[in-house]
Protein backbone atom coordinates (compact mmCIF):
# COMPACT_ATOMS: atom_id res chain seq x y z
CA MET A 1 15.17 -8.39 13.87
CA ILE A 2 18.00 -10.43 11.96
CA LEU A 3 18.92 -8.26 8.83
CA PRO A 4 19.86 -9.67 5.81
CA ALA A 5 23.47 -10.27 4.69
CA GLY A 6 25.19 -7.32 3.83
CA VAL A 7 22.38 -4.81 5.30
CA SER A 8 23.24 -1.41 7.63
CA PRO A 9 21.56 -1.93 10.73
CA GLU A 10 19.92 1.08 10.10
CA ALA A 11 17.57 -0.32 8.30
CA ARG A 12 16.25 -2.29 11.65
CA PRO A 13 13.65 0.55 12.97
CA LEU A 14 11.99 1.04 9.67
CA LEU A 15 11.56 -2.88 8.82
CA ILE A 16 10.13 -2.60 12.62
CA GLY A 17 8.01 0.50 12.08
CA ARG A 18 6.61 -1.10 8.75
CA ALA A 19 5.40 -3.83 10.67
CA LEU A 20 3.60 -2.08 13.35
CA ARG A 21 1.70 -0.19 10.58
CA ALA A 22 0.90 -2.66 8.37
CA LEU A 23 -0.86 -4.33 11.67
CA THR A 24 -3.34 -1.39 11.61
CA ASP A 25 -3.58 -1.02 7.98
CA GLY A 26 -4.97 -4.58 7.77
CA TYR A 27 -7.70 -4.54 10.01
CA ILE A 28 -8.65 -0.87 9.02
CA ALA A 29 -8.57 -1.55 5.30
CA VAL A 30 -11.43 -4.67 6.64
CA LEU A 31 -13.38 -2.50 8.75
CA LEU A 32 -13.70 1.63 7.20
CA PRO A 33 -16.35 0.35 4.88
CA ALA A 34 -18.27 -1.37 8.02
CA TYR A 35 -17.75 1.58 9.76
CA LEU A 36 -18.92 4.18 7.31
CA LEU A 37 -21.45 1.56 7.11
CA ALA A 38 -22.42 1.73 10.55
CA LEU A 39 -22.13 5.55 10.59
CA GLY A 40 -24.94 5.63 8.12
CA LEU A 41 -22.92 6.81 5.22
CA GLY A 42 -23.42 4.90 1.80
CA THR A 43 -21.11 3.10 -0.87
CA LEU A 44 -20.82 6.25 -3.12
CA GLU A 45 -19.84 7.99 0.44
CA VAL A 46 -17.62 5.10 1.10
CA GLY A 47 -15.74 5.50 -2.04
CA LEU A 48 -15.35 9.16 -2.02
CA ILE A 49 -13.85 8.75 1.67
CA SER A 50 -11.25 6.33 -0.08
CA THR A 51 -10.28 8.39 -2.52
CA ALA A 52 -9.71 11.49 0.02
CA THR A 53 -7.07 9.59 1.43
CA LEU A 54 -5.27 8.40 -1.80
CA LEU A 55 -5.48 12.03 -2.84
CA GLY A 56 -4.51 13.63 0.21
CA SER A 57 -1.42 10.42 0.26
CA ALA A 58 -0.47 11.80 -3.20
CA LEU A 59 -0.11 15.43 -2.43
CA ALA A 60 1.53 14.66 0.84
CA THR A 61 4.23 12.34 -1.32
CA MET A 62 4.36 15.23 -3.55
CA ALA A 63 5.27 17.68 -1.61
CA VAL A 64 8.01 14.97 -0.31
CA GLY A 65 9.82 14.57 -3.86
CA ALA A 66 9.70 18.19 -4.61
CA TRP A 67 10.72 20.02 -1.21
CA GLY A 68 11.88 16.66 0.82
CA HIS A 69 15.37 16.97 -0.19
CA ARG A 70 15.50 19.72 1.92
CA PHE A 71 15.08 18.44 5.23
CA PRO A 72 15.89 15.58 7.34
CA ARG A 73 14.52 11.82 6.09
CA ARG A 74 14.12 11.46 10.02
CA ARG A 75 12.62 14.50 11.19
CA LEU A 76 10.16 14.16 7.90
CA LEU A 77 9.40 10.26 9.52
CA LEU A 78 8.39 11.61 12.63
CA ALA A 79 6.05 13.88 11.73
CA ALA A 80 4.33 11.22 9.35
CA ALA A 81 3.84 8.92 12.48
CA LEU A 82 2.50 12.01 14.77
CA LEU A 83 -0.18 12.63 11.77
CA MET A 84 -0.86 9.07 11.98
CA ALA A 85 -1.91 9.33 15.61
CA ALA A 86 -4.10 12.22 14.45
CA THR A 87 -5.50 10.57 11.96
CA GLY A 88 -6.69 7.55 14.25
CA LEU A 89 -8.14 9.84 16.55
CA GLY A 90 -9.90 11.89 14.20
CA PHE A 91 -11.69 8.87 12.50
CA ALA A 92 -12.47 7.54 16.29
CA GLY A 93 -13.97 10.68 17.12
CA PHE A 94 -16.13 12.23 14.15
CA SER A 95 -19.26 10.65 12.91
CA GLY A 96 -20.08 13.22 10.05
CA PHE A 97 -19.13 12.55 6.32
CA TRP A 98 -17.29 16.15 5.94
CA PRO A 99 -15.08 15.80 8.87
CA LEU A 100 -14.51 12.67 8.42
CA LEU A 101 -13.72 12.87 4.48
CA LEU A 102 -11.37 15.89 5.48
CA VAL A 103 -9.35 14.02 8.11
CA ALA A 104 -9.25 11.22 5.21
CA PHE A 105 -7.46 13.82 3.03
CA VAL A 106 -5.21 15.32 5.26
CA GLY A 107 -4.08 12.28 7.36
CA THR A 108 -2.06 8.81 6.57
CA LEU A 109 -5.11 6.13 6.27
CA ASN A 110 -4.61 3.80 4.56
CA PRO A 111 -7.57 1.25 2.76
CA SER A 112 -5.56 -0.47 0.17
CA SER A 113 -3.50 -3.57 0.55
CA GLY A 114 -0.38 -1.84 0.01
CA ASP A 115 1.58 0.89 1.55
CA VAL A 116 0.07 4.17 -0.12
CA SER A 117 1.03 6.98 2.46
CA VAL A 118 4.04 9.30 3.11
CA PHE A 119 5.71 6.86 4.93
CA LEU A 120 6.47 5.00 1.42
CA PRO A 121 9.01 7.17 -0.23
CA LEU A 122 10.92 8.53 2.72
CA GLU A 123 11.14 4.42 4.25
CA HIS A 124 12.27 3.83 0.75
CA ALA A 125 14.82 6.42 0.37
CA ARG A 126 16.84 5.60 3.72
CA LEU A 127 16.53 1.35 2.84
CA ALA A 128 17.95 2.05 -0.47
CA GLU A 129 21.16 3.57 1.31
CA ALA A 130 21.38 0.59 3.54
CA ALA A 131 21.97 -1.78 0.83
CA GLN A 132 23.65 -2.15 -2.71
CA GLY A 133 23.14 -4.94 -5.48
CA ASP A 134 21.10 -7.98 -4.46
CA ALA A 135 21.39 -7.13 -1.29
CA ARG A 136 18.94 -4.26 -1.68
CA THR A 137 16.44 -6.22 -3.84
CA VAL A 138 16.40 -8.69 -0.41
CA LEU A 139 15.97 -6.01 1.59
CA PHE A 140 13.30 -4.45 -0.14
CA ALA A 141 11.66 -7.85 -0.69
CA ARG A 142 11.98 -8.32 3.60
CA TYR A 143 10.34 -4.76 3.90
CA SER A 144 7.34 -5.66 1.85
CA VAL A 145 6.96 -9.44 3.07
CA ILE A 146 6.64 -7.70 6.26
CA GLY A 147 4.25 -5.71 5.60
CA ALA A 148 2.56 -8.24 3.76
CA VAL A 149 2.57 -10.63 6.64
CA CYS A 150 1.29 -8.28 9.46
CA ALA A 151 -1.37 -6.70 7.85
CA ALA A 152 -2.65 -10.60 7.07
CA VAL A 153 -2.61 -10.62 11.10
CA GLY A 154 -4.13 -6.95 11.17
CA ALA A 155 -6.68 -8.47 9.25
CA LEU A 156 -7.94 -10.87 11.82
CA ALA A 157 -8.03 -8.06 14.07
CA ALA A 158 -11.41 -7.08 12.10
CA ALA A 159 -13.07 -9.73 13.99
CA ILE A 160 -12.46 -8.10 17.23
CA PRO A 161 -15.88 -5.54 17.04
CA ASP A 162 -17.67 -8.39 17.15
CA VAL A 163 -16.52 -10.42 19.62
CA LEU A 164 -16.95 -7.32 21.72
CA ALA A 165 -20.25 -6.63 20.68
CA ALA A 166 -20.88 -9.98 21.59
CA THR A 167 -20.30 -9.16 25.60
CA GLY A 168 -22.64 -6.22 24.98
CA LEU A 169 -20.26 -3.23 24.14
CA ASP A 170 -22.09 -1.27 21.12
CA ARG A 171 -20.19 -2.09 17.97
CA LEU A 172 -19.95 1.48 16.76
CA THR A 173 -18.02 1.88 19.75
CA ALA A 174 -15.95 -1.35 19.35
CA LEU A 175 -15.59 0.18 15.66
CA ARG A 176 -14.26 3.33 17.17
CA LEU A 177 -11.95 1.44 19.49
CA MET A 178 -10.33 0.22 16.57
CA PHE A 179 -9.49 3.50 15.21
CA VAL A 180 -7.55 4.54 18.62
CA GLY A 181 -5.70 1.36 18.13
CA HIS A 182 -4.22 3.05 15.15
CA ALA A 183 -3.85 6.18 16.69
CA LEU A 184 -1.40 4.15 19.46
CA VAL A 185 0.47 2.61 16.85
CA GLY A 186 1.07 5.34 15.40
CA LEU A 187 2.86 7.16 18.83
CA VAL A 188 5.27 3.90 19.02
CA VAL A 189 5.92 4.41 15.82
CA TRP A 190 7.30 8.01 16.49
CA ARG A 191 8.93 6.68 19.46
CA LEU A 192 10.74 3.95 17.03
CA TYR A 193 11.81 6.31 14.69
CA LEU A 194 13.55 8.92 17.45
CA LYS A 195 15.85 5.83 17.35
CA LEU A 196 16.82 6.15 13.93
CA PRO A 197 20.64 7.84 13.52
CA GLU A 198 21.20 11.49 12.15
CA PRO A 199 22.57 10.86 8.85
CA ALA A 200 26.51 11.48 8.48
CA PRO A 201 27.71 14.32 6.82
CA ARG A 202 28.00 13.68 3.07
CA GLU A 203 29.50 14.77 -0.04
CA ALA A 204 27.91 17.42 -1.52
CA SER A 205 27.51 14.95 -4.63
CA ASP A 206 25.97 12.30 -2.39
CA LYS A 207 23.44 14.83 -0.87
CA PRO A 208 19.99 13.96 -1.66
CA ALA A 209 19.02 16.32 -4.85
CA PRO A 210 16.07 16.75 -6.76
CA LEU A 211 15.53 14.77 -10.47
CA GLY A 212 18.44 15.68 -12.93
CA PRO A 213 19.80 12.77 -14.90
CA SER A 214 17.37 10.12 -14.58
CA ARG A 215 14.57 12.49 -15.23
CA GLY A 216 13.62 11.08 -18.20
CA ILE A 217 13.04 7.24 -17.44
CA VAL A 218 11.34 8.19 -13.71
CA LEU A 219 9.05 9.80 -15.58
CA ARG A 220 8.44 7.09 -18.35
CA LEU A 221 7.97 4.78 -14.97
CA ALA A 222 5.61 7.30 -13.13
CA ALA A 223 3.26 7.39 -16.10
CA LEU A 224 3.32 3.61 -16.47
CA PHE A 225 2.92 2.95 -12.75
CA SER A 226 -0.20 5.60 -12.69
CA VAL A 227 -2.40 3.19 -14.85
CA ASP A 228 -1.66 0.25 -12.70
CA ALA A 229 -2.35 2.43 -9.45
CA PHE A 230 -5.77 3.69 -11.36
CA ALA A 231 -6.71 -0.11 -12.30
CA GLY A 232 -5.83 -1.03 -8.44
CA GLY A 233 -7.62 1.51 -6.75
CA LEU A 234 -11.19 -0.08 -8.39
CA VAL A 235 -10.58 -2.41 -6.25
CA VAL A 236 -8.75 -1.38 -2.98
CA HIS A 237 -9.10 -3.37 -0.01
CA SER A 238 -12.18 -1.63 1.64
CA LEU A 239 -13.64 -1.75 -1.93
CA LEU A 240 -12.93 -5.77 -2.02
CA ALA A 241 -14.51 -5.91 1.36
CA LEU A 242 -17.63 -4.29 0.01
CA TRP A 243 -17.69 -6.62 -2.48
CA LEU A 244 -17.44 -9.21 -0.55
CA PHE A 245 -19.88 -7.96 1.84
CA GLN A 246 -22.68 -7.24 -0.81
CA ARG A 247 -21.85 -9.76 -3.65
CA HIS A 248 -21.49 -13.09 -1.04
CA GLY A 249 -22.98 -11.59 2.26
CA LEU A 250 -19.51 -12.34 4.12
CA SER A 251 -19.24 -11.33 7.57
CA LEU A 252 -16.73 -9.26 9.47
CA ALA A 253 -15.15 -12.25 10.49
CA ALA A 254 -15.03 -13.98 7.61
CA ALA A 255 -13.82 -11.32 5.60
CA GLY A 256 -11.09 -11.00 8.17
CA HIS A 257 -9.63 -14.42 7.73
CA PHE A 258 -9.68 -14.05 3.77
CA PHE A 259 -7.77 -11.19 4.15
CA PHE A 260 -5.11 -12.85 6.58
CA TRP A 261 -4.63 -15.72 3.93
CA ALA A 262 -4.41 -13.52 1.18
CA GLY A 263 -1.87 -11.41 3.08
CA LEU A 264 0.23 -14.98 3.67
CA LEU A 265 0.14 -15.82 0.12
CA THR A 266 1.33 -12.21 -0.86
CA ALA A 267 4.24 -12.92 1.62
CA ALA A 268 4.98 -15.69 0.38
CA SER A 269 4.93 -14.44 -3.55
CA GLN A 270 7.32 -11.27 -1.88
CA LEU A 271 9.49 -13.62 -0.46
CA ALA A 272 10.14 -15.48 -3.51
CA ALA A 273 10.57 -12.22 -5.81
CA PRO A 274 14.24 -12.06 -5.22
CA TRP A 275 15.19 -15.48 -6.01
CA VAL A 276 12.47 -15.20 -8.92
CA ALA A 277 14.42 -11.72 -10.03
CA LYS A 278 17.82 -13.16 -9.82
CA ARG A 279 16.83 -15.52 -12.52
CA ILE A 280 14.91 -14.17 -14.43
CA GLY A 281 15.44 -10.25 -14.14
CA LEU A 282 13.56 -7.45 -12.12
CA LEU A 283 11.64 -6.43 -15.34
CA ASN A 284 10.47 -9.93 -16.31
CA THR A 285 9.51 -10.88 -12.60
CA MET A 286 7.00 -7.56 -12.60
CA VAL A 287 5.58 -8.77 -15.88
CA PHE A 288 5.44 -12.06 -15.99
CA THR A 289 3.48 -12.65 -12.38
CA HIS A 290 1.33 -9.78 -12.68
CA ILE A 291 -0.54 -10.75 -16.12
CA PRO A 292 -1.83 -14.41 -14.28
CA ALA A 293 -3.02 -12.38 -11.11
CA ASN A 294 -4.68 -10.15 -13.27
CA VAL A 295 -6.37 -12.71 -15.41
CA CYS A 296 -7.37 -14.53 -11.91
CA LEU A 297 -9.00 -11.36 -10.77
CA ILE A 298 -11.41 -11.12 -14.12
CA LEU A 299 -12.47 -14.52 -13.39
CA ALA A 300 -13.15 -13.89 -9.80
CA ALA A 301 -15.77 -10.99 -10.91
CA LEU A 302 -17.18 -13.50 -13.02
CA ALA A 303 -17.53 -16.77 -10.93
CA PRO A 304 -20.93 -17.55 -10.15
CA ASN A 305 -20.11 -18.75 -6.55
CA LEU A 306 -18.23 -17.61 -3.27
CA ALA A 307 -15.79 -20.57 -3.37
CA MET A 308 -14.65 -20.26 -6.58
CA ALA A 309 -14.41 -16.54 -6.51
CA LEU A 310 -12.37 -16.83 -3.12
CA GLY A 311 -9.86 -19.72 -4.68
CA LEU A 312 -9.20 -17.23 -8.06
CA LEU A 313 -8.63 -14.02 -5.56
CA LEU A 314 -6.02 -16.43 -3.36
CA LEU A 315 -4.75 -17.64 -6.24
CA ARG A 316 -4.18 -14.07 -7.47
CA SER A 317 -2.79 -13.03 -4.03
CA LEU A 318 0.09 -15.38 -4.84
CA LEU A 319 1.23 -13.67 -7.55
CA SER A 320 0.02 -10.38 -7.84
CA GLN A 321 2.49 -8.80 -5.60
CA MET A 322 5.48 -10.17 -6.51
CA ASP A 323 6.14 -7.19 -8.43
CA VAL A 324 5.95 -5.00 -5.55
CA PRO A 325 9.84 -5.54 -3.96
CA THR A 326 10.99 -5.68 -7.62
CA ARG A 327 9.59 -2.71 -8.91
CA SER A 328 11.05 -0.74 -5.78
CA ALA A 329 14.25 -2.21 -6.54
CA TYR A 330 14.11 -1.41 -9.95
CA VAL A 331 13.39 2.38 -9.69
CA MET A 332 16.30 2.60 -7.20
CA ALA A 333 18.58 0.47 -9.63
CA VAL A 334 17.80 2.84 -12.71
CA VAL A 335 18.71 6.23 -11.12
CA THR A 336 21.50 7.97 -9.46
CA PRO A 337 22.16 7.82 -5.44
CA PRO A 338 21.85 11.70 -5.15
CA GLU A 339 18.06 11.13 -6.66
CA ARG A 340 16.55 8.15 -5.41
CA ALA A 341 14.22 10.13 -2.73
CA ALA A 342 13.10 12.12 -5.32
CA ALA A 343 12.84 9.25 -7.61
CA ALA A 344 11.02 7.66 -4.98
CA SER A 345 8.38 9.82 -4.20
CA PHE A 346 7.94 11.28 -8.12
CA THR A 347 7.21 7.65 -9.00
CA ALA A 348 4.71 6.91 -6.00
CA VAL A 349 3.02 10.25 -6.80
CA PRO A 350 1.25 9.50 -9.58
CA ARG A 351 0.62 6.18 -8.49
CA SER A 352 -1.17 7.76 -5.31
CA LEU A 353 -2.84 10.75 -7.85
CA ALA A 354 -3.99 7.83 -10.00
CA ALA A 355 -5.51 5.49 -7.23
CA ALA A 356 -6.95 8.50 -5.35
CA LEU A 357 -9.41 8.85 -8.67
CA SER A 358 -10.31 5.33 -8.75
CA PRO A 359 -12.02 4.39 -5.60
CA SER A 360 -15.08 6.38 -5.87
CA LEU A 361 -15.57 5.49 -9.27
CA GLY A 362 -15.67 1.60 -8.00
CA GLY A 363 -18.01 2.90 -5.24
CA ALA A 364 -20.52 4.86 -7.70
CA LEU A 365 -20.42 1.42 -9.91
CA PHE A 366 -21.03 -0.77 -6.95
CA ALA A 367 -24.15 1.69 -5.77
CA ALA A 368 -25.19 1.42 -9.31
CA GLY A 369 -25.30 -2.45 -8.94
CA TRP A 370 -22.82 -3.25 -11.18
CA LEU A 371 -20.51 -5.28 -9.06
CA ALA A 372 -18.75 -7.16 -11.33
CA ALA A 373 -17.58 -4.14 -13.32
CA PRO A 374 -14.51 -2.19 -11.35
CA LEU A 375 -12.73 -6.23 -11.10
CA VAL A 376 -13.33 -6.79 -14.65
CA ALA A 377 -11.92 -3.08 -15.46
CA CYS A 378 -9.01 -3.28 -12.74
CA GLY A 379 -7.99 -6.73 -14.50
CA LEU A 380 -7.90 -5.69 -17.79
CA LEU A 381 -6.16 -2.32 -17.32
CA LYS A 382 -3.42 -3.95 -15.55
CA ILE A 383 -2.63 -6.55 -18.33
CA GLY A 384 -2.69 -3.67 -20.86
CA TYR A 385 0.04 -2.09 -17.88
CA ASP A 386 2.11 -4.90 -17.78
CA LEU A 387 2.33 -5.34 -21.75
CA ALA A 388 3.41 -1.62 -22.09
CA LEU A 389 5.74 -1.86 -19.49
CA TRP A 390 7.65 -4.88 -20.63
CA ARG A 391 7.63 -3.40 -23.94
CA ALA A 392 8.95 0.24 -23.17
CA PHE A 393 12.26 -1.48 -21.10
CA ARG A 394 13.04 -4.55 -21.54
CA LYS A 395 16.05 -3.48 -23.52
CA ARG A 396 17.58 -1.00 -20.64
CA PRO A 397 20.17 -2.17 -18.73
CA ILE A 398 20.01 -1.81 -14.86
CA ALA A 399 22.95 -1.23 -12.28
């Protein structure tokens, strides 16, 4: 994999690992509701299990932020990869609601469109050390783009169970095999991260540390990010797939194709994010691409037919994730280098906690027959977040 100019080779295994994880995240997000429904669970249970995955990830990320600076990040990344493998095997092996809820809580399953796992702060902290200035923004964009493209390709794999079922294999067994694939990828990622170099001895002032001088700005950002994440949790990919299944009767294969194209558009927008940010700034890129994306989401919820809904959702995909690499670069730019791991964790934790609360609410709204409500609420809350973020930080200089 060719790295951007000015980036350390240490970033290569992190980018490859992100690609592999995104491949399985892409199909898991689409298959999870279909798998749980095939097991006899209802839409409320789908929401609760999605909530458990995000809540568990939030607590794990909180632990990384509070105590992770005491351990080598390489060791923590290796442990996370093994946990990913165990999660896939757990979902493949269990059928009952409570065992699956427990595995979802302690594991690394990702029902959303982006990376919300414990991998995120650990990888971000090491990526931030691999580049400086504009090169860092480009590196975070590369990280996000790779994740988006591979998740899009992974979404196409959501059709595999139907293909296998057409050959005579039991459909439920075919769905279980996809989770076994998730476990195998976890082992591959573990082997890949063994190649990460041990960190060189650093001066005491450069060693990872908990939040200090940057605590105030990190807490303010975390509070705002949590609003965005709570809104996003109402329509994580698993619930958006469920909405497409129930509102428009989409098949697994058709849903996989939609998420594929949506993922490619997301990747294109993230690829353009550094170019846009260089011209209008990180904060403006985060805000002024996000607002129209959420208008599209609201309109899609109210669209009278499938074609219009999918068109609006695809347009949303072209804009909605441009803030992801710029947000990561912004956080890394406004804190001191020793605080970066803690800042990545403490901005990710509220996001994960807030996002963990809303999928169960979205599932409950679907179960009650209010199919448009989660999408409309998501769009309105995100627009409010965008305006509040711009108002709070528009005059703050960054490094």
